[in-house]
N, C-alpha and C. Protein backbone atom coordinates (compact mmCIF):
# COMPACT_ATOMS: atom_id res chain seq x y z
N UNK A 1 0.86 -1.17 0.00
CA UNK A 1 0.00 0.00 0.00
C UNK A 1 0.90 1.23 0.00
N UNK A 2 0.60 2.18 -0.90
CA UNK A 2 1.40 3.39 -1.01
C UNK A 2 1.08 4.37 0.09
N UNK A 3 1.92 5.42 0.20
CA UNK A 3 1.73 6.42 1.24
C UNK A 3 0.39 7.14 1.09
N UNK A 4 -0.01 7.45 -0.15
CA UNK A 4 -1.27 8.16 -0.36
C UNK A 4 -2.46 7.29 0.06
N UNK A 5 -2.42 6.01 -0.27
CA UNK A 5 -3.49 5.11 0.12
C UNK A 5 -3.54 4.95 1.63
N UNK A 6 -2.37 4.84 2.25
CA UNK A 6 -2.30 4.69 3.70
C UNK A 6 -2.85 5.94 4.39
N UNK A 7 -2.51 7.13 3.89
CA UNK A 7 -3.00 8.39 4.46
C UNK A 7 -4.51 8.48 4.32
N UNK A 8 -5.01 8.07 3.16
CA UNK A 8 -6.46 8.10 2.93
C UNK A 8 -7.17 7.14 3.88
N UNK A 9 -6.60 5.99 4.12
CA UNK A 9 -7.18 4.99 5.01
C UNK A 9 -7.24 5.54 6.45
N UNK A 10 -6.17 6.20 6.88
CA UNK A 10 -6.11 6.78 8.21
C UNK A 10 -7.17 7.88 8.35
N UNK A 11 -7.31 8.72 7.33
CA UNK A 11 -8.32 9.79 7.35
C UNK A 11 -9.73 9.21 7.44
N UNK A 12 -9.99 8.14 6.71
CA UNK A 12 -11.30 7.49 6.76
C UNK A 12 -11.58 6.94 8.17
N UNK A 13 -10.57 6.36 8.79
CA UNK A 13 -10.73 5.81 10.13
C UNK A 13 -11.01 6.92 11.14
N UNK A 14 -10.32 8.04 11.01
CA UNK A 14 -10.55 9.17 11.91
C UNK A 14 -11.96 9.73 11.74
N UNK A 15 -12.44 9.82 10.50
CA UNK A 15 -13.79 10.30 10.24
C UNK A 15 -14.82 9.38 10.89
N UNK A 16 -14.60 8.07 10.80
CA UNK A 16 -15.51 7.11 11.41
C UNK A 16 -15.54 7.29 12.93
N UNK A 17 -14.38 7.50 13.54
CA UNK A 17 -14.31 7.67 14.98
C UNK A 17 -14.99 8.95 15.43
N UNK A 18 -14.94 9.99 14.61
CA UNK A 18 -15.53 11.27 14.96
C UNK A 18 -17.02 11.35 14.64
N UNK A 19 -17.56 10.30 14.03
CA UNK A 19 -18.98 10.29 13.66
C UNK A 19 -19.84 10.50 14.90
N UNK A 20 -20.77 11.41 14.78
CA UNK A 20 -21.66 11.70 15.90
C UNK A 20 -22.96 10.92 15.71
N UNK A 21 -23.35 10.23 16.76
CA UNK A 21 -24.58 9.45 16.70
C UNK A 21 -25.75 10.37 17.02
N UNK A 22 -26.87 10.13 16.38
CA UNK A 22 -28.03 10.99 16.56
C UNK A 22 -29.08 10.27 17.40
N UNK A 23 -29.41 10.89 18.53
CA UNK A 23 -30.44 10.33 19.41
C UNK A 23 -31.80 10.58 18.76
N UNK A 24 -32.61 9.53 18.71
CA UNK A 24 -33.92 9.66 18.11
C UNK A 24 -35.01 9.92 19.13
N UNK A 25 -34.81 9.37 20.34
CA UNK A 25 -35.88 9.47 21.34
C UNK A 25 -35.32 9.12 22.72
N UNK A 26 -35.86 9.77 23.73
CA UNK A 26 -35.55 9.40 25.11
C UNK A 26 -36.63 8.41 25.54
N UNK A 27 -36.21 7.24 25.99
CA UNK A 27 -37.15 6.18 26.36
C UNK A 27 -37.46 6.15 27.86
N UNK A 28 -36.46 6.53 28.67
CA UNK A 28 -36.63 6.43 30.12
C UNK A 28 -35.57 7.29 30.79
N UNK A 29 -35.68 7.42 32.08
CA UNK A 29 -34.63 8.12 32.83
C UNK A 29 -34.49 7.46 34.19
N UNK A 30 -33.33 7.68 34.79
CA UNK A 30 -33.07 7.16 36.12
C UNK A 30 -32.14 8.13 36.84
N UNK A 31 -32.26 8.11 38.16
CA UNK A 31 -31.43 8.97 38.98
C UNK A 31 -30.77 8.12 40.05
N UNK A 32 -29.53 8.41 40.30
CA UNK A 32 -28.81 7.70 41.34
C UNK A 32 -27.45 8.32 41.57
N UNK A 33 -27.06 8.36 42.82
CA UNK A 33 -25.77 8.92 43.20
C UNK A 33 -25.61 10.35 42.68
N UNK A 34 -26.71 11.09 42.71
CA UNK A 34 -26.66 12.49 42.31
C UNK A 34 -26.54 12.72 40.81
N UNK A 35 -26.71 11.66 40.02
CA UNK A 35 -26.61 11.79 38.56
C UNK A 35 -27.93 11.39 37.91
N UNK A 36 -28.24 12.07 36.82
CA UNK A 36 -29.42 11.74 36.02
C UNK A 36 -28.93 11.13 34.72
N UNK A 37 -29.53 10.02 34.34
CA UNK A 37 -29.20 9.37 33.07
C UNK A 37 -30.48 9.15 32.27
N UNK A 38 -30.34 9.18 30.97
CA UNK A 38 -31.47 8.95 30.07
C UNK A 38 -31.17 7.75 29.17
N UNK A 39 -32.19 6.93 28.98
CA UNK A 39 -32.08 5.81 28.06
C UNK A 39 -32.43 6.32 26.67
N UNK A 40 -31.46 6.23 25.75
CA UNK A 40 -31.64 6.79 24.42
C UNK A 40 -31.83 5.72 23.36
N UNK A 41 -32.75 6.00 22.47
CA UNK A 41 -32.95 5.22 21.25
C UNK A 41 -32.20 5.97 20.16
N UNK A 42 -31.24 5.30 19.51
CA UNK A 42 -30.42 5.94 18.51
C UNK A 42 -31.01 5.75 17.12
N UNK A 43 -31.03 6.83 16.34
CA UNK A 43 -31.55 6.75 14.96
C UNK A 43 -30.69 5.79 14.15
N UNK A 44 -31.39 4.90 13.45
CA UNK A 44 -30.68 3.96 12.58
C UNK A 44 -30.14 2.72 13.28
N UNK A 45 -30.44 2.57 14.58
CA UNK A 45 -29.94 1.43 15.33
C UNK A 45 -31.09 0.67 15.96
N UNK A 46 -30.83 -0.59 16.30
CA UNK A 46 -31.87 -1.44 16.87
C UNK A 46 -32.02 -1.16 18.37
N UNK A 47 -33.06 -1.74 18.96
CA UNK A 47 -33.31 -1.59 20.40
C UNK A 47 -32.14 -2.12 21.23
N UNK A 48 -31.43 -3.09 20.70
CA UNK A 48 -30.28 -3.65 21.42
C UNK A 48 -29.18 -2.61 21.62
N UNK A 49 -29.19 -1.57 20.80
CA UNK A 49 -28.15 -0.55 20.86
C UNK A 49 -28.54 0.65 21.73
N UNK A 50 -29.74 0.62 22.34
CA UNK A 50 -30.16 1.69 23.24
C UNK A 50 -29.16 1.77 24.39
N UNK A 51 -28.83 2.98 24.82
CA UNK A 51 -27.84 3.14 25.88
C UNK A 51 -28.28 4.17 26.91
N UNK A 52 -27.80 3.98 28.14
CA UNK A 52 -28.00 4.95 29.20
C UNK A 52 -26.88 5.98 29.08
N UNK A 53 -27.26 7.24 28.99
CA UNK A 53 -26.28 8.31 28.84
C UNK A 53 -26.47 9.35 29.94
N UNK A 54 -25.36 9.85 30.50
CA UNK A 54 -25.47 10.90 31.51
C UNK A 54 -26.08 12.17 30.90
N UNK A 55 -26.83 12.87 31.71
CA UNK A 55 -27.52 14.07 31.26
C UNK A 55 -26.56 15.07 30.61
N UNK A 56 -25.36 15.19 31.17
CA UNK A 56 -24.41 16.17 30.65
C UNK A 56 -23.90 15.83 29.25
N UNK A 57 -24.07 14.58 28.80
CA UNK A 57 -23.64 14.20 27.46
C UNK A 57 -24.68 14.53 26.39
N UNK A 58 -25.88 14.90 26.81
CA UNK A 58 -26.95 15.11 25.85
C UNK A 58 -26.97 16.57 25.38
N UNK A 59 -27.09 16.72 24.09
CA UNK A 59 -27.19 18.06 23.52
C UNK A 59 -28.53 18.26 22.81
N UNK A 60 -29.53 17.52 23.27
CA UNK A 60 -30.87 17.60 22.67
C UNK A 60 -31.91 17.87 23.75
N UNK A 61 -31.96 19.10 24.27
CA UNK A 61 -32.95 19.41 25.30
C UNK A 61 -34.39 19.22 24.81
N UNK A 62 -34.58 19.30 23.49
CA UNK A 62 -35.92 19.08 22.94
C UNK A 62 -36.40 17.66 23.18
N UNK A 63 -35.50 16.68 23.08
CA UNK A 63 -35.88 15.28 23.32
C UNK A 63 -36.20 15.05 24.79
N UNK A 64 -35.42 15.67 25.66
CA UNK A 64 -35.69 15.53 27.10
C UNK A 64 -37.02 16.17 27.44
N UNK A 65 -37.28 17.36 26.89
CA UNK A 65 -38.54 18.05 27.16
C UNK A 65 -39.72 17.23 26.65
N UNK A 66 -39.58 16.63 25.47
CA UNK A 66 -40.65 15.80 24.91
C UNK A 66 -40.90 14.58 25.80
N UNK A 67 -39.83 13.94 26.26
CA UNK A 67 -39.96 12.79 27.14
C UNK A 67 -40.67 13.17 28.43
N UNK A 68 -40.24 14.26 29.05
CA UNK A 68 -40.84 14.69 30.31
C UNK A 68 -42.30 15.07 30.14
N UNK A 69 -42.64 15.69 29.01
CA UNK A 69 -44.02 16.07 28.72
C UNK A 69 -44.89 14.81 28.59
N UNK A 70 -44.43 13.84 27.83
CA UNK A 70 -45.20 12.61 27.64
C UNK A 70 -45.32 11.82 28.94
N UNK A 71 -44.25 11.83 29.72
CA UNK A 71 -44.29 11.12 31.01
C UNK A 71 -45.29 11.78 31.95
N UNK A 72 -45.33 13.10 31.94
CA UNK A 72 -46.28 13.83 32.78
C UNK A 72 -47.72 13.51 32.36
N UNK A 73 -47.97 13.49 31.05
CA UNK A 73 -49.30 13.15 30.55
C UNK A 73 -49.66 11.72 30.92
N UNK A 74 -48.71 10.81 30.78
CA UNK A 74 -48.95 9.41 31.11
C UNK A 74 -49.26 9.24 32.59
N UNK A 75 -48.48 9.93 33.43
CA UNK A 75 -48.71 9.87 34.87
C UNK A 75 -50.08 10.42 35.22
N UNK A 76 -50.45 11.52 34.58
CA UNK A 76 -51.77 12.13 34.81
C UNK A 76 -52.87 11.14 34.43
N UNK A 77 -52.71 10.44 33.31
CA UNK A 77 -53.71 9.46 32.86
C UNK A 77 -53.80 8.30 33.84
N UNK A 78 -52.66 7.84 34.32
CA UNK A 78 -52.65 6.75 35.31
C UNK A 78 -53.39 7.19 36.57
N UNK A 79 -53.10 8.41 37.03
CA UNK A 79 -53.76 8.92 38.23
C UNK A 79 -55.27 9.02 38.02
N UNK A 80 -55.70 9.46 36.84
CA UNK A 80 -57.13 9.53 36.55
C UNK A 80 -57.75 8.14 36.54
N UNK A 81 -57.04 7.19 35.95
CA UNK A 81 -57.54 5.81 35.92
C UNK A 81 -57.65 5.23 37.33
N UNK A 82 -56.64 5.51 38.15
CA UNK A 82 -56.68 5.03 39.53
C UNK A 82 -57.83 5.67 40.30
N UNK A 83 -58.05 6.97 40.08
CA UNK A 83 -59.15 7.66 40.75
C UNK A 83 -60.49 7.07 40.31
N UNK A 84 -60.63 6.79 39.03
CA UNK A 84 -61.87 6.19 38.52
C UNK A 84 -62.08 4.82 39.13
N UNK A 85 -61.02 4.03 39.21
CA UNK A 85 -61.12 2.69 39.79
C UNK A 85 -61.51 2.77 41.26
N UNK A 86 -60.94 3.72 41.99
CA UNK A 86 -61.28 3.89 43.41
C UNK A 86 -62.74 4.30 43.56
N UNK A 87 -63.20 5.19 42.70
CA UNK A 87 -64.59 5.64 42.75
C UNK A 87 -65.53 4.47 42.49
N UNK A 88 -65.23 3.66 41.52
CA UNK A 88 -66.05 2.49 41.21
C UNK A 88 -66.07 1.54 42.41
N UNK A 89 -64.92 1.33 43.02
CA UNK A 89 -64.84 0.46 44.18
C UNK A 89 -65.68 1.01 45.34
N UNK A 90 -65.57 2.31 45.58
CA UNK A 90 -66.37 2.94 46.65
C UNK A 90 -67.85 2.78 46.36
N UNK A 91 -68.26 2.98 45.12
CA UNK A 91 -69.67 2.83 44.75
C UNK A 91 -70.14 1.40 44.97
N UNK A 92 -69.31 0.42 44.64
CA UNK A 92 -69.67 -0.97 44.86
C UNK A 92 -69.83 -1.27 46.34
N UNK A 93 -68.90 -0.76 47.14
CA UNK A 93 -68.97 -0.98 48.59
C UNK A 93 -70.23 -0.35 49.16
N UNK A 94 -70.52 0.88 48.75
CA UNK A 94 -71.72 1.56 49.23
C UNK A 94 -72.98 0.81 48.82
N UNK A 95 -72.97 0.30 47.58
CA UNK A 95 -74.11 -0.47 47.10
C UNK A 95 -74.31 -1.74 47.91
N UNK A 96 -73.23 -2.43 48.22
CA UNK A 96 -73.31 -3.65 49.04
C UNK A 96 -73.82 -3.33 50.43
N UNK A 97 -73.33 -2.24 51.00
CA UNK A 97 -73.78 -1.85 52.34
C UNK A 97 -75.27 -1.51 52.33
N UNK A 98 -75.70 -0.78 51.28
CA UNK A 98 -77.12 -0.43 51.17
C UNK A 98 -77.96 -1.69 51.03
N UNK A 99 -77.49 -2.62 50.22
CA UNK A 99 -78.23 -3.88 50.05
C UNK A 99 -78.28 -4.66 51.37
N UNK A 100 -77.18 -4.65 52.10
CA UNK A 100 -77.12 -5.34 53.39
C UNK A 100 -78.11 -4.71 54.36
N UNK A 101 -78.16 -3.36 54.40
CA UNK A 101 -79.09 -2.68 55.30
C UNK A 101 -80.54 -3.01 54.94
N UNK A 102 -80.84 -2.99 53.64
CA UNK A 102 -82.20 -3.32 53.20
C UNK A 102 -82.57 -4.74 53.59
N UNK A 103 -81.63 -5.63 53.43
CA UNK A 103 -81.87 -7.02 53.78
C UNK A 103 -82.13 -7.15 55.29
N UNK A 104 -81.31 -6.47 56.10
CA UNK A 104 -81.49 -6.52 57.55
C UNK A 104 -82.82 -5.90 57.96
N UNK A 105 -83.19 -4.80 57.31
CA UNK A 105 -84.48 -4.15 57.63
C UNK A 105 -85.66 -5.03 57.25
N UNK A 106 -85.55 -5.70 56.13
CA UNK A 106 -86.65 -6.57 55.71
C UNK A 106 -86.76 -7.79 56.63
N UNK A 107 -85.63 -8.25 57.16
CA UNK A 107 -85.67 -9.39 58.09
C UNK A 107 -86.30 -9.00 59.42
N UNK A 108 -86.11 -7.74 59.84
CA UNK A 108 -86.68 -7.25 61.10
C UNK A 108 -88.20 -7.10 61.00
N UNK A 109 -88.65 -6.75 59.81
CA UNK A 109 -90.08 -6.48 59.65
C UNK A 109 -90.92 -7.72 59.57
């Protein structure tokens, strides 16, 4: 291999090493030991290539904001569902108690 070919090969290798990966989506986050990390889905890569990255390595505040917004909406929906389930349960309990009272009153009469 000549010097020009060798130089070109080295330049290609350096370009590959400097390639910046593009985060497509924030999937999750975790906090521990005073650090925040985000689980990133990388554009053009499979789920197996998702990685946890420290917050300071991310240069996409828009992705973090989108993740936090969706998580807030999801949490709100879960809370509404839980409240609805509790209300239904309370109504069932009240109905059973009312039926029990009616039954006891009819037995007394």
